[in-house]
Amino acid sequence: MMPLDTIYLTRHGHRLNWTIDFRTGTYRAQFPTPTGNPADPALTSHGVRQSHELAAHVSGSQFHPKPFRVYSSPFYRCLQTIQPTVEELKRIHESGEEHGSQDGSGVIDQHAQFDVRLENGLAEWFGATDFFDHPSHPTAEEMSTHFPTLLPAAAVDRKPLLIPSRRGETINQLHNRVATALEGIIADVDAEIRAIEETQPSEQRTSKSILISAHAAPLIAMGRVLTGRMPDDSSEEDFNVSTAGLSTFKRRGVAGGESDQTGSSEAPLAEGTTLVRSSGSVPQWRRRGVGGGWDCVGNGDCSFLSGGAERGWHFDGEENFQSGPMGPSSEAATTATTKL
């Protein structure tokens, strides 16, 4: 059997901004957003250009292995970023216009499915708050009206593994949330591959990969969760997450060592996290990594982007919103532009 062996991570392209009043929890968009959610802006024209450059790279004959399944945060900018990639892969796959290398690499697997799977467990990170709700995630039904080529009816019916709390999360809870989601995604895809390969002779089995589109903070957390490496300082710049960049992880297949999950009294997942298909058991990902562990073999590649690496990001401590409307003015700035 050849289980899932490659994971590609990409960050959404350059997007429009929003602001938040830290003392009231009020979000405001710089420009009207497609979904009406102030924290769900569209890409800028430059971001759209990045999305097409990403598509040309992933659909090119030398890119191997081609995605076998595609997952995304439910936010507009993440779907908008991978729309050209998914549409081109669908077009090639459905037309039979394969143009890989002579050895068969770069060819789309015959069992590939390109209807995007929305997973709220990989969505945006919002800091913990005790007095307001962060904006809700867009629904699959709503996003299908904006991206019908990516989200047909069958894709809309698919349930996410979990939905993050609207009261936000600590950095540690974000990592555990992403670990729980990735563990479920990997298990789902492995099961699908096993079912396919049980009906195939060994010579027809191919390398399998998935593509995930998400946001800066969750992507850094994904890199740590896949490799099992959590730095002592969360602000360490270990995984590059420039806009529309692409990171590649290859499966180790064996555990990377004993777990050293922290003994913190903090709840592993933020209160209010909704478990849909996940059992809610946070995997022991530190040191070993989820799904047997993965090695990063391509860290934030931007060589295919005309503007190169742009808008890199890293953690800079917790993003807490705990002062409330009655808190001292010294505890929170009036407004700030989100960093993600």
Protein backbone atom coordinates (compact mmCIF):
# COMPACT_ATOMS: atom_id res chain seq x y z
CA MET A 1 0.00 0.00 0.00
CA MET A 2 1.11 3.57 -0.70
CA PRO A 3 -0.59 5.91 1.78
CA LEU A 4 -0.63 9.68 1.50
CA ASP A 5 3.03 10.71 1.23
CA THR A 6 3.08 14.43 0.37
CA ILE A 7 1.35 17.49 1.81
CA TYR A 8 1.50 20.92 0.16
CA LEU A 9 0.64 24.00 2.21
CA THR A 10 -0.07 27.38 0.66
CA ARG A 11 -1.03 30.70 2.20
CA HIS A 12 -3.69 32.88 0.64
CA GLY A 13 -2.48 35.63 -1.67
CA HIS A 14 -2.12 39.33 -0.89
CA ARG A 15 -5.46 40.49 0.51
CA LEU A 16 -7.37 43.58 1.61
CA ASN A 17 -7.27 44.56 5.28
CA TRP A 18 -9.59 44.97 8.24
CA THR A 19 -9.29 46.57 11.67
CA ILE A 20 -10.55 45.69 15.13
CA ASP A 21 -11.30 47.92 18.09
CA PHE A 22 -9.56 46.02 20.87
CA ARG A 23 -11.76 47.54 23.56
CA THR A 24 -15.12 46.66 22.04
CA GLY A 25 -14.33 43.75 19.71
CA THR A 26 -15.77 45.61 16.72
CA TYR A 27 -14.39 44.55 13.33
CA ARG A 28 -14.41 46.88 10.34
CA ALA A 29 -13.42 46.05 6.77
CA GLN A 30 -11.28 48.41 4.71
CA PHE A 31 -13.61 47.74 1.76
CA PRO A 32 -16.91 45.84 1.49
CA THR A 33 -16.27 42.09 1.60
CA PRO A 34 -17.93 39.51 -0.70
CA THR A 35 -19.54 37.70 2.24
CA GLY A 36 -20.31 40.75 4.37
CA ASN A 37 -17.97 39.42 7.07
CA PRO A 38 -15.43 42.18 7.88
CA ALA A 39 -12.73 39.57 8.61
CA ASP A 40 -13.31 37.83 5.27
CA PRO A 41 -11.82 40.16 2.62
CA ALA A 42 -11.03 39.34 -0.99
CA LEU A 43 -7.60 39.34 -2.60
CA THR A 44 -6.09 42.48 -4.05
CA SER A 45 -5.31 42.53 -7.78
CA HIS A 46 -1.75 41.55 -6.86
CA GLY A 47 -3.10 38.62 -4.85
CA VAL A 48 -5.14 37.49 -7.86
CA ARG A 49 -1.97 37.60 -9.96
CA GLN A 50 -0.22 35.46 -7.33
CA SER A 51 -3.08 32.94 -7.49
CA HIS A 52 -2.58 32.50 -11.24
CA GLU A 53 1.17 32.12 -10.82
CA LEU A 54 0.55 29.43 -8.20
CA ALA A 55 -1.80 27.66 -10.63
CA ALA A 56 0.76 27.70 -13.44
CA HIS A 57 3.34 26.19 -11.07
CA VAL A 58 1.18 23.40 -9.62
CA SER A 59 -0.39 22.42 -12.95
CA GLY A 60 2.97 22.42 -14.77
CA SER A 61 4.41 19.17 -16.13
CA GLN A 62 7.35 19.13 -13.71
CA PHE A 63 5.26 19.48 -10.55
CA HIS A 64 4.98 16.07 -8.91
CA PRO A 65 3.07 14.49 -7.33
CA LYS A 66 0.00 16.43 -8.39
CA PRO A 67 -2.63 17.00 -5.67
CA PHE A 68 -4.97 14.05 -5.16
CA ARG A 69 -7.35 15.94 -2.84
CA VAL A 70 -7.68 19.66 -1.97
CA TYR A 71 -8.54 21.14 1.43
CA SER A 72 -9.10 24.76 2.39
CA SER A 73 -9.97 27.08 5.21
CA PRO A 74 -13.55 28.25 4.56
CA PHE A 75 -12.53 31.92 4.26
CA TYR A 76 -13.00 33.68 0.91
CA ARG A 77 -9.35 34.62 0.36
CA CYS A 78 -8.18 31.02 0.72
CA LEU A 79 -10.66 29.69 -1.84
CA GLN A 80 -9.97 32.62 -4.17
CA THR A 81 -6.24 31.83 -4.03
CA ILE A 82 -6.60 28.19 -5.09
CA GLN A 83 -9.47 28.71 -7.53
CA PRO A 84 -7.23 28.99 -10.65
CA THR A 85 -5.18 25.96 -9.53
CA VAL A 86 -8.21 23.76 -8.90
CA GLU A 87 -9.98 24.82 -12.09
CA GLU A 88 -6.90 24.09 -14.20
CA LEU A 89 -6.31 20.70 -12.55
CA LYS A 90 -9.98 19.85 -13.13
CA ARG A 91 -9.74 20.91 -16.76
CA ILE A 92 -6.63 18.79 -17.40
CA HIS A 93 -8.08 15.81 -15.54
CA GLU A 94 -11.47 15.88 -17.27
CA SER A 95 -10.06 16.52 -20.75
CA GLY A 96 -7.49 13.75 -20.53
CA GLU A 97 -4.88 16.30 -21.60
CA GLU A 98 -2.07 14.85 -19.52
CA HIS A 99 1.36 16.36 -20.14
CA GLY A 100 3.63 14.90 -17.49
CA SER A 101 7.16 13.61 -17.84
CA GLN A 102 8.01 10.45 -19.78
CA ASP A 103 8.36 8.48 -16.55
CA GLY A 104 4.76 9.30 -15.66
CA SER A 105 5.54 11.90 -13.03
CA GLY A 106 3.54 15.11 -13.17
CA VAL A 107 0.44 13.23 -14.32
CA ILE A 108 -2.78 13.59 -12.35
CA ASP A 109 -3.88 10.39 -10.59
CA GLN A 110 -6.95 8.86 -12.22
CA HIS A 111 -8.73 8.81 -8.85
CA ALA A 112 -8.02 12.46 -8.01
CA GLN A 113 -10.98 14.56 -6.86
CA PHE A 114 -10.83 18.34 -7.08
CA ASP A 115 -14.02 19.40 -5.34
CA VAL A 116 -12.54 21.41 -2.47
CA ARG A 117 -13.06 20.10 1.05
CA LEU A 118 -13.64 22.94 3.51
CA GLU A 119 -12.13 22.34 6.94
CA ASN A 120 -12.84 24.87 9.68
CA GLY A 121 -10.18 23.19 11.80
CA LEU A 122 -7.56 24.78 9.52
CA ALA A 123 -9.13 28.25 9.55
CA GLU A 124 -7.98 31.66 10.75
CA TRP A 125 -6.54 32.21 14.23
CA PHE A 126 -8.16 34.79 16.48
CA GLY A 127 -6.75 35.62 19.91
CA ALA A 128 -8.54 34.60 23.10
CA THR A 129 -11.25 36.92 24.41
CA ASP A 130 -13.62 36.83 27.37
CA PHE A 131 -16.11 39.52 26.34
CA PHE A 132 -16.99 39.27 22.62
CA ASP A 133 -17.32 36.81 19.75
CA HIS A 134 -14.97 36.94 16.79
CA PRO A 135 -16.64 36.87 13.33
CA SER A 136 -18.14 33.52 12.43
CA HIS A 137 -16.66 31.33 9.71
CA PRO A 138 -18.32 31.43 6.28
CA THR A 139 -20.53 28.39 5.66
CA ALA A 140 -20.07 25.89 2.87
CA GLU A 141 -23.50 26.78 1.49
CA GLU A 142 -22.57 30.46 1.34
CA MET A 143 -19.16 29.87 -0.23
CA SER A 144 -20.63 27.58 -2.88
CA THR A 145 -22.51 30.58 -4.28
CA HIS A 146 -19.18 32.39 -4.70
CA PHE A 147 -17.16 29.37 -5.89
CA PRO A 148 -19.53 26.94 -7.64
CA THR A 149 -16.68 25.34 -9.61
CA LEU A 150 -14.88 24.48 -6.37
CA LEU A 151 -17.85 23.64 -4.17
CA PRO A 152 -20.63 21.75 -5.98
CA ALA A 153 -23.48 20.23 -3.99
CA ALA A 154 -21.55 17.10 -2.99
CA ALA A 155 -18.74 19.18 -1.51
CA VAL A 156 -21.17 21.37 0.43
CA ASP A 157 -22.61 18.33 2.19
CA ARG A 158 -19.23 17.31 3.61
CA LYS A 159 -18.93 18.06 7.32
CA PRO A 160 -15.75 19.57 8.83
CA LEU A 161 -13.86 17.79 11.60
CA LEU A 162 -14.26 20.67 14.03
CA ILE A 163 -15.16 24.36 14.28
CA PRO A 164 -12.96 26.66 16.40
CA SER A 165 -14.39 28.64 19.29
CA ARG A 166 -15.60 32.15 18.45
CA ARG A 167 -13.97 33.30 21.69
CA GLY A 168 -10.58 32.70 20.13
CA GLU A 169 -7.60 30.62 21.25
CA THR A 170 -4.18 30.79 22.83
CA ILE A 171 -1.18 29.89 20.67
CA ASN A 172 -0.99 26.46 22.29
CA GLN A 173 -4.69 25.82 21.66
CA LEU A 174 -4.27 26.83 18.02
CA HIS A 175 -1.53 24.23 17.58
CA ASN A 176 -3.67 21.54 19.23
CA ARG A 177 -6.67 22.49 17.09
CA VAL A 178 -4.63 22.23 13.90
CA ALA A 179 -3.12 18.93 15.06
CA THR A 180 -6.60 17.50 15.65
CA ALA A 181 -7.74 18.60 12.20
CA LEU A 182 -4.65 17.31 10.38
CA GLU A 183 -4.77 13.97 12.15
CA GLY A 184 -8.36 13.56 10.93
CA ILE A 185 -7.59 14.70 7.39
CA ILE A 186 -4.63 12.34 7.06
CA ALA A 187 -6.68 9.43 8.42
CA ASP A 188 -9.53 10.20 6.01
CA VAL A 189 -7.27 10.35 2.95
CA ASP A 190 -5.29 7.25 3.99
CA ALA A 191 -8.58 5.33 4.24
CA GLU A 192 -9.65 6.50 0.78
CA ILE A 193 -6.31 5.49 -0.70
CA ARG A 194 -6.48 2.04 0.93
CA ALA A 195 -9.95 1.49 -0.52
CA ILE A 196 -8.72 2.42 -4.01
CA GLU A 197 -5.54 0.37 -3.86
CA GLU A 198 -7.32 -2.77 -2.68
CA THR A 199 -8.73 -2.98 -6.20
CA GLN A 200 -5.46 -2.14 -8.01
CA PRO A 201 -2.40 -4.16 -8.93
CA SER A 202 0.74 -2.77 -7.29
CA GLU A 203 2.12 -1.33 -10.54
CA GLN A 204 -0.87 1.03 -10.83
CA ARG A 205 -0.39 2.55 -7.38
CA THR A 206 0.97 6.08 -7.43
CA SER A 207 2.35 8.66 -5.03
CA LYS A 208 -0.48 10.66 -3.43
CA SER A 209 -0.54 14.27 -2.20
CA ILE A 210 -2.98 16.83 -0.84
CA LEU A 211 -3.01 20.62 -1.17
CA ILE A 212 -4.13 22.79 1.77
CA SER A 213 -4.90 26.52 1.51
CA ALA A 214 -4.95 28.44 4.77
CA HIS A 215 -3.61 31.42 6.76
CA ALA A 216 -0.26 32.46 8.22
CA ALA A 217 -0.63 31.46 11.87
CA PRO A 218 -2.37 28.12 11.24
CA LEU A 219 0.19 27.29 8.54
CA ILE A 220 3.11 27.84 10.92
CA ALA A 221 1.27 25.65 13.42
CA MET A 222 0.75 23.02 10.70
CA GLY A 223 4.47 22.92 9.97
CA ARG A 224 5.20 22.32 13.65
CA VAL A 225 2.43 19.76 14.05
CA LEU A 226 3.53 17.78 10.97
CA THR A 227 7.22 17.72 11.90
CA GLY A 228 6.60 17.44 15.64
CA ARG A 229 8.99 20.30 16.32
CA MET A 230 7.63 22.98 18.67
CA PRO A 231 10.22 25.68 19.45
CA ASP A 232 10.61 26.92 23.02
CA ASP A 233 9.79 30.39 21.73
CA SER A 234 6.64 30.43 19.58
CA SER A 235 7.89 33.54 17.77
CA GLU A 236 10.78 31.60 16.21
CA GLU A 237 10.69 32.01 12.42
CA ASP A 238 10.86 28.33 11.56
CA PHE A 239 8.30 28.00 8.76
CA ASN A 240 8.02 30.60 5.99
CA VAL A 241 4.47 31.69 5.16
CA SER A 242 4.72 34.44 2.54
CA THR A 243 1.59 35.11 0.50
CA ALA A 244 0.91 32.35 -2.07
CA GLY A 245 4.14 30.58 -1.15
CA LEU A 246 4.22 26.79 -1.17
CA SER A 247 5.68 24.43 1.44
CA THR A 248 6.16 20.70 0.88
CA PHE A 249 6.16 17.97 3.51
CA LYS A 250 7.13 14.32 2.93
CA ARG A 251 5.93 11.56 5.20
CA ARG A 252 8.41 9.81 7.46
CA GLY A 253 6.05 6.94 8.14
CA VAL A 254 7.34 6.24 11.65
CA ALA A 255 7.03 8.08 14.94
CA GLY A 256 9.78 10.60 15.53
CA GLY A 257 10.27 9.93 19.23
CA GLU A 258 8.43 10.08 22.49
CA SER A 259 5.86 12.77 23.07
CA ASP A 260 6.54 15.68 25.39
CA GLN A 261 3.09 17.25 25.46
CA THR A 262 3.07 20.08 27.93
CA GLY A 263 1.53 19.53 31.32
CA SER A 264 -0.22 22.89 31.24
CA SER A 265 -3.47 23.25 33.19
CA GLU A 266 -4.91 25.10 30.18
CA ALA A 267 -7.60 23.22 28.26
CA PRO A 268 -6.04 21.59 25.13
CA LEU A 269 -8.79 23.06 22.92
CA ALA A 270 -10.48 26.42 23.52
CA GLU A 271 -13.81 26.37 25.30
CA GLY A 272 -16.56 26.59 22.70
CA THR A 273 -14.71 24.51 20.09
CA THR A 274 -17.37 22.45 18.30
CA LEU A 275 -16.46 18.85 17.51
CA VAL A 276 -18.30 17.70 14.39
CA ARG A 277 -16.53 14.59 13.05
CA SER A 278 -13.51 14.62 15.36
CA SER A 279 -13.43 12.69 18.62
CA GLY A 280 -11.86 15.69 20.28
CA SER A 281 -8.83 13.73 21.44
CA VAL A 282 -5.80 15.93 20.69
CA PRO A 283 -3.05 13.76 19.16
CA GLN A 284 0.34 13.53 20.87
CA TRP A 285 2.08 15.49 18.14
CA ARG A 286 5.12 17.01 19.83
CA ARG A 287 8.38 15.43 18.66
CA ARG A 288 6.64 12.64 16.73
CA GLY A 289 4.34 14.67 14.47
CA VAL A 290 0.85 13.66 13.35
CA GLY A 291 0.29 10.77 10.95
CA GLY A 292 3.67 9.21 11.63
CA GLY A 293 5.61 12.45 11.22
CA TRP A 294 6.65 14.52 8.22
CA ASP A 295 9.82 16.24 6.99
CA CYS A 296 9.73 19.72 5.49
CA VAL A 297 11.50 19.45 2.12
CA GLY A 298 10.32 22.81 0.75
CA ASN A 299 9.91 25.72 3.14
CA GLY A 300 7.77 28.52 1.73
CA ASP A 301 8.95 28.31 -1.89
CA CYS A 302 8.16 31.56 -3.75
CA SER A 303 10.46 31.04 -6.75
CA PHE A 304 7.46 30.83 -9.10
CA LEU A 305 6.02 34.18 -7.96
CA SER A 306 7.02 37.27 -9.94
CA GLY A 307 7.20 39.32 -6.74
CA GLY A 308 9.09 36.68 -4.78
CA ALA A 309 8.48 36.28 -1.04
CA GLU A 310 6.12 38.94 0.32
CA ARG A 311 4.32 39.68 3.58
CA GLY A 312 6.04 37.08 5.73
CA TRP A 313 4.62 36.62 9.22
CA HIS A 314 5.56 35.13 12.58
CA PHE A 315 4.02 34.87 16.03
CA ASP A 316 4.72 37.77 18.38
CA GLY A 317 3.18 36.59 21.62
CA GLU A 318 -0.44 35.94 22.47
CA GLU A 319 -3.14 38.09 20.87
CA ASN A 320 -5.35 38.45 23.94
CA PHE A 321 -8.50 40.55 24.05
CA GLN A 322 -9.21 40.28 27.77
CA SER A 323 -9.48 43.90 28.94
CA GLY A 324 -13.08 44.48 27.84
CA PRO A 325 -14.88 47.80 27.43
CA MET A 326 -14.25 48.72 31.07
CA GLY A 327 -10.57 47.83 31.11
CA PRO A 328 -7.82 50.44 31.55
CA SER A 329 -6.95 52.17 28.28
CA SER A 330 -3.32 51.16 28.79
CA GLU A 331 -4.26 47.51 28.32
CA ALA A 332 -5.40 47.79 24.71
CA ALA A 333 -4.91 49.99 21.71
CA THR A 334 -7.99 51.61 20.23
CA THR A 335 -7.63 49.97 16.84
CA ALA A 336 -5.09 47.89 15.03
CA THR A 337 -4.82 46.19 11.68
CA THR A 338 -4.81 42.42 11.93
CA LYS A 339 -1.48 40.76 11.24
CA LEU A 340 -2.84 37.75 9.41
